Amino acid sequence: MVIRDEQIATLDSKVTSTFAADLAAYVRERHSTTIVSLRGEESQVSALPKSTLEALVQGGIERARTYGIRWRSAAASFVVAMFVIAPNFDEDIRVSEFLKDPDIEPNFRMDAARRRLTEDQWNAIRRKYNVNAWGIDLE
């Protein structure tokens, strides 16, 4: 049997969308009171429509992939940080250094950033929350 590239792409897309739905459910369950700013309005995660939450999570997964993150656990860590810290947390120079460090395997970069940044540093990143950083059109 020969599996064509199109079939692999379709399967990969299905796996990714299933993972995004599962991760969105996790975010809704574990971070339901987290406030998300979209279109100039703030909402708790629990109040977001399912399709909106899944779109935000999918966008986060894709953003994590730009840093070479492929493991589900590492991508989940990245996406959760987008919700609990800021959607643009990765733009902070301290975080960016870890996410781009060629000496750290990509799937361990979030762990390194979490371990080495202080709570004060994370709070400073939270204050730079950019509502446009979700990277998706919700109109």
C-alpha atoms as a PDB file:
ATOM      1  CA  MET A   1       0.000   0.000   0.000  1.00  0.00           C
ATOM      2  CA  VAL A   2       1.212   3.492  -0.859  1.00  0.00           C
ATOM      3  CA  ILE A   3       0.102   6.491   1.170  1.00  0.00           C
ATOM      4  CA  ARG A   4       0.085   9.686  -0.845  1.00  0.00           C
ATOM      5  CA  ASP A   5       1.297  13.041   0.502  1.00  0.00           C
ATOM      6  CA  GLU A   6      -2.268  14.392   0.323  1.00  0.00           C
ATOM      7  CA  GLN A   7      -3.491  11.547   2.523  1.00  0.00           C
ATOM      8  CA  ILE A   8      -0.759  12.209   5.084  1.00  0.00           C
ATOM      9  CA  ALA A   9      -1.613  15.933   5.069  1.00  0.00           C
ATOM     10  CA  THR A  10      -5.305  15.146   5.607  1.00  0.00           C
ATOM     11  CA  LEU A  11      -4.487  12.799   8.476  1.00  0.00           C
ATOM     12  CA  ASP A  12      -2.129  15.355  10.040  1.00  0.00           C
ATOM     13  CA  SER A  13      -4.823  18.029   9.777  1.00  0.00           C
ATOM     14  CA  LYS A  14      -7.380  15.749  11.453  1.00  0.00           C
ATOM     15  CA  VAL A  15      -4.972  14.859  14.267  1.00  0.00           C
ATOM     16  CA  THR A  16      -4.137  18.543  14.798  1.00  0.00           C
ATOM     17  CA  SER A  17      -7.781  19.613  14.898  1.00  0.00           C
ATOM     18  CA  THR A  18      -8.586  16.817  17.361  1.00  0.00           C
ATOM     19  CA  PHE A  19      -5.666  17.896  19.543  1.00  0.00           C
ATOM     20  CA  ALA A  20      -6.828  21.525  19.351  1.00  0.00           C
ATOM     21  CA  ALA A  21     -10.345  20.530  20.444  1.00  0.00           C
ATOM     22  CA  ASP A  22      -8.963  18.446  23.325  1.00  0.00           C
ATOM     23  CA  LEU A  23      -6.624  21.243  24.405  1.00  0.00           C
ATOM     24  CA  ALA A  24      -9.444  23.803  24.198  1.00  0.00           C
ATOM     25  CA  ALA A  25     -11.535  21.580  26.492  1.00  0.00           C
ATOM     26  CA  TYR A  26      -8.597  21.385  28.902  1.00  0.00           C
ATOM     27  CA  VAL A  27      -8.151  25.180  28.869  1.00  0.00           C
ATOM     28  CA  ARG A  28     -11.891  25.663  29.483  1.00  0.00           C
ATOM     29  CA  GLU A  29     -11.860  23.171  32.372  1.00  0.00           C
ATOM     30  CA  ARG A  30      -8.611  24.182  34.092  1.00  0.00           C
ATOM     31  CA  HIS A  31      -8.497  27.907  33.307  1.00  0.00           C
ATOM     32  CA  SER A  32     -12.195  28.788  33.126  1.00  0.00           C
ATOM     33  CA  THR A  33     -11.842  32.035  35.095  1.00  0.00           C
ATOM     34  CA  THR A  34      -8.844  33.290  33.128  1.00  0.00           C
ATOM     35  CA  ILE A  35      -9.640  36.595  31.417  1.00  0.00           C
ATOM     36  CA  VAL A  36      -9.046  36.822  27.668  1.00  0.00           C
ATOM     37  CA  SER A  37      -9.138  40.133  25.790  1.00  0.00           C
ATOM     38  CA  LEU A  38     -10.555  39.979  22.273  1.00  0.00           C
ATOM     39  CA  ARG A  39     -11.790  42.800  20.071  1.00  0.00           C
ATOM     40  CA  GLY A  40     -11.464  45.229  22.963  1.00  0.00           C
ATOM     41  CA  GLU A  41     -13.680  43.132  25.225  1.00  0.00           C
ATOM     42  CA  GLU A  42     -12.694  40.959  28.138  1.00  0.00           C
ATOM     43  CA  SER A  43     -14.274  37.560  28.759  1.00  0.00           C
ATOM     44  CA  GLN A  44     -13.598  34.632  30.980  1.00  0.00           C
ATOM     45  CA  VAL A  45     -12.481  31.538  29.117  1.00  0.00           C
ATOM     46  CA  SER A  46     -15.662  29.822  30.330  1.00  0.00           C
ATOM     47  CA  ALA A  47     -17.763  32.418  28.466  1.00  0.00           C
ATOM     48  CA  LEU A  48     -16.010  32.073  25.115  1.00  0.00           C
ATOM     49  CA  PRO A  49     -17.919  30.241  22.392  1.00  0.00           C
ATOM     50  CA  LYS A  50     -16.443  26.817  21.680  1.00  0.00           C
ATOM     51  CA  SER A  51     -15.494  27.802  18.130  1.00  0.00           C
ATOM     52  CA  THR A  52     -13.677  30.923  19.354  1.00  0.00           C
ATOM     53  CA  LEU A  53     -11.761  29.050  22.026  1.00  0.00           C
ATOM     54  CA  GLU A  54     -10.772  26.323  19.565  1.00  0.00           C
ATOM     55  CA  ALA A  55      -9.621  28.955  17.051  1.00  0.00           C
ATOM     56  CA  LEU A  56      -7.465  30.631  19.717  1.00  0.00           C
ATOM     57  CA  VAL A  57      -5.971  27.289  20.713  1.00  0.00           C
ATOM     58  CA  GLN A  58      -5.349  26.293  17.086  1.00  0.00           C
ATOM     59  CA  GLY A  59      -3.598  29.607  16.490  1.00  0.00           C
ATOM     60  CA  GLY A  60      -1.461  28.961  19.562  1.00  0.00           C
ATOM     61  CA  ILE A  61      -0.493  25.499  18.364  1.00  0.00           C
ATOM     62  CA  GLU A  62       0.554  26.935  15.019  1.00  0.00           C
ATOM     63  CA  ARG A  63       2.545  29.656  16.765  1.00  0.00           C
ATOM     64  CA  ALA A  64       4.300  27.058  18.936  1.00  0.00           C
ATOM     65  CA  ARG A  65       5.273  25.173  15.793  1.00  0.00           C
ATOM     66  CA  THR A  66       7.135  28.223  14.498  1.00  0.00           C
ATOM     67  CA  TYR A  67       9.584  27.619  17.358  1.00  0.00           C
ATOM     68  CA  GLY A  68       9.992  23.952  16.432  1.00  0.00           C
ATOM     69  CA  ILE A  69       7.667  22.736  19.185  1.00  0.00           C
ATOM     70  CA  ARG A  70       6.063  19.477  18.075  1.00  0.00           C
ATOM     71  CA  TRP A  71       5.236  17.501  21.207  1.00  0.00           C
ATOM     72  CA  ARG A  72       1.674  17.844  22.424  1.00  0.00           C
ATOM     73  CA  SER A  73       2.773  18.481  25.999  1.00  0.00           C
ATOM     74  CA  ALA A  74       5.149  21.260  24.936  1.00  0.00           C
ATOM     75  CA  ALA A  75       2.551  22.804  22.623  1.00  0.00           C
ATOM     76  CA  ALA A  76       0.000  22.645  25.442  1.00  0.00           C
ATOM     77  CA  SER A  77       2.409  24.460  27.743  1.00  0.00           C
ATOM     78  CA  PHE A  78       2.905  27.163  25.111  1.00  0.00           C
ATOM     79  CA  VAL A  79      -0.834  27.586  24.508  1.00  0.00           C
ATOM     80  CA  VAL A  80      -1.680  27.699  28.207  1.00  0.00           C
ATOM     81  CA  ALA A  81       0.953  30.427  28.642  1.00  0.00           C
ATOM     82  CA  MET A  82      -0.817  32.426  25.934  1.00  0.00           C
ATOM     83  CA  PHE A  83      -3.969  32.321  28.066  1.00  0.00           C
ATOM     84  CA  VAL A  84      -2.563  32.769  31.568  1.00  0.00           C
ATOM     85  CA  ILE A  85       0.339  35.119  30.769  1.00  0.00           C
ATOM     86  CA  ALA A  86      -0.423  36.930  27.487  1.00  0.00           C
ATOM     87  CA  PRO A  87      -0.984  35.898  23.876  1.00  0.00           C
ATOM     88  CA  ASN A  88       2.256  37.688  23.015  1.00  0.00           C
ATOM     89  CA  PHE A  89       4.335  36.276  25.895  1.00  0.00           C
ATOM     90  CA  ASP A  90       6.779  34.821  23.381  1.00  0.00           C
ATOM     91  CA  GLU A  91       7.681  38.292  22.092  1.00  0.00           C
ATOM     92  CA  ASP A  92       9.337  39.197  25.390  1.00  0.00           C
ATOM     93  CA  ILE A  93      13.110  39.170  24.916  1.00  0.00           C
ATOM     94  CA  ARG A  94      13.697  36.869  27.905  1.00  0.00           C
ATOM     95  CA  VAL A  95      11.184  34.279  26.696  1.00  0.00           C
ATOM     96  CA  SER A  96      12.248  34.663  23.074  1.00  0.00           C
ATOM     97  CA  GLU A  97      15.837  33.832  23.980  1.00  0.00           C
ATOM     98  CA  PHE A  98      14.714  30.473  25.353  1.00  0.00           C
ATOM     99  CA  LEU A  99      12.304  29.729  22.500  1.00  0.00           C
ATOM    100  CA  LYS A 100      15.027  30.347  19.919  1.00  0.00           C
ATOM    101  CA  ASP A 101      17.982  28.850  21.810  1.00  0.00           C
ATOM    102  CA  PRO A 102      19.637  26.307  19.478  1.00  0.00           C
ATOM    103  CA  ASP A 103      21.272  24.633  22.481  1.00  0.00           C
ATOM    104  CA  ILE A 104      17.878  23.667  23.945  1.00  0.00           C
ATOM    105  CA  GLU A 105      15.798  21.015  22.201  1.00  0.00           C
ATOM    106  CA  PRO A 106      12.654  22.857  20.993  1.00  0.00           C
ATOM    107  CA  ASN A 107      10.238  20.723  23.002  1.00  0.00           C
ATOM    108  CA  PHE A 108      12.067  21.634  26.235  1.00  0.00           C
ATOM    109  CA  ARG A 109      12.315  25.384  25.653  1.00  0.00           C
ATOM    110  CA  MET A 110       9.070  26.268  27.434  1.00  0.00           C
ATOM    111  CA  ASP A 111      10.202  24.255  30.458  1.00  0.00           C
ATOM    112  CA  ALA A 112      13.480  26.185  30.502  1.00  0.00           C
ATOM    113  CA  ALA A 113      11.678  29.527  30.330  1.00  0.00           C
ATOM    114  CA  ARG A 114       9.228  28.544  33.092  1.00  0.00           C
ATOM    115  CA  ARG A 115      12.044  27.407  35.369  1.00  0.00           C
ATOM    116  CA  ARG A 116      14.330  30.383  34.857  1.00  0.00           C
ATOM    117  CA  LEU A 117      12.018  33.391  34.728  1.00  0.00           C
ATOM    118  CA  THR A 118      10.869  34.822  38.038  1.00  0.00           C
ATOM    119  CA  GLU A 119       7.272  35.578  38.962  1.00  0.00           C
ATOM    120  CA  ASP A 120       8.099  39.303  38.742  1.00  0.00           C
ATOM    121  CA  GLN A 121       9.337  38.784  35.184  1.00  0.00           C
ATOM    122  CA  TRP A 122       6.179  36.860  34.235  1.00  0.00           C
ATOM    123  CA  ASN A 123       4.085  39.657  35.767  1.00  0.00           C
ATOM    124  CA  ALA A 124       5.951  42.225  33.665  1.00  0.00           C
ATOM    125  CA  ILE A 125       5.139  40.156  30.567  1.00  0.00           C
ATOM    126  CA  ARG A 126       1.460  40.015  31.613  1.00  0.00           C
ATOM    127  CA  ARG A 127       1.355  43.814  31.684  1.00  0.00           C
ATOM    128  CA  LYS A 128       2.382  43.878  27.993  1.00  0.00           C
ATOM    129  CA  TYR A 129      -0.725  41.922  26.931  1.00  0.00           C
ATOM    130  CA  ASN A 130      -1.436  42.609  23.242  1.00  0.00           C
ATOM    131  CA  VAL A 131      -5.006  41.773  22.213  1.00  0.00           C
ATOM    132  CA  ASN A 132      -3.921  41.601  18.569  1.00  0.00           C
ATOM    133  CA  ALA A 133      -1.375  38.863  19.250  1.00  0.00           C
ATOM    134  CA  TRP A 134      -3.915  36.058  19.086  1.00  0.00           C
ATOM    135  CA  GLY A 135      -3.162  36.075  15.368  1.00  0.00           C
ATOM    136  CA  ILE A 136      -6.612  35.081  14.150  1.00  0.00           C
ATOM    137  CA  ASP A 137      -9.541  36.939  12.655  1.00  0.00           C
ATOM    138  CA  LEU A 138     -12.616  36.479  14.795  1.00  0.00           C
ATOM    139  CA  GLU A 139     -14.924  38.714  12.795  1.00  0.00           C
END
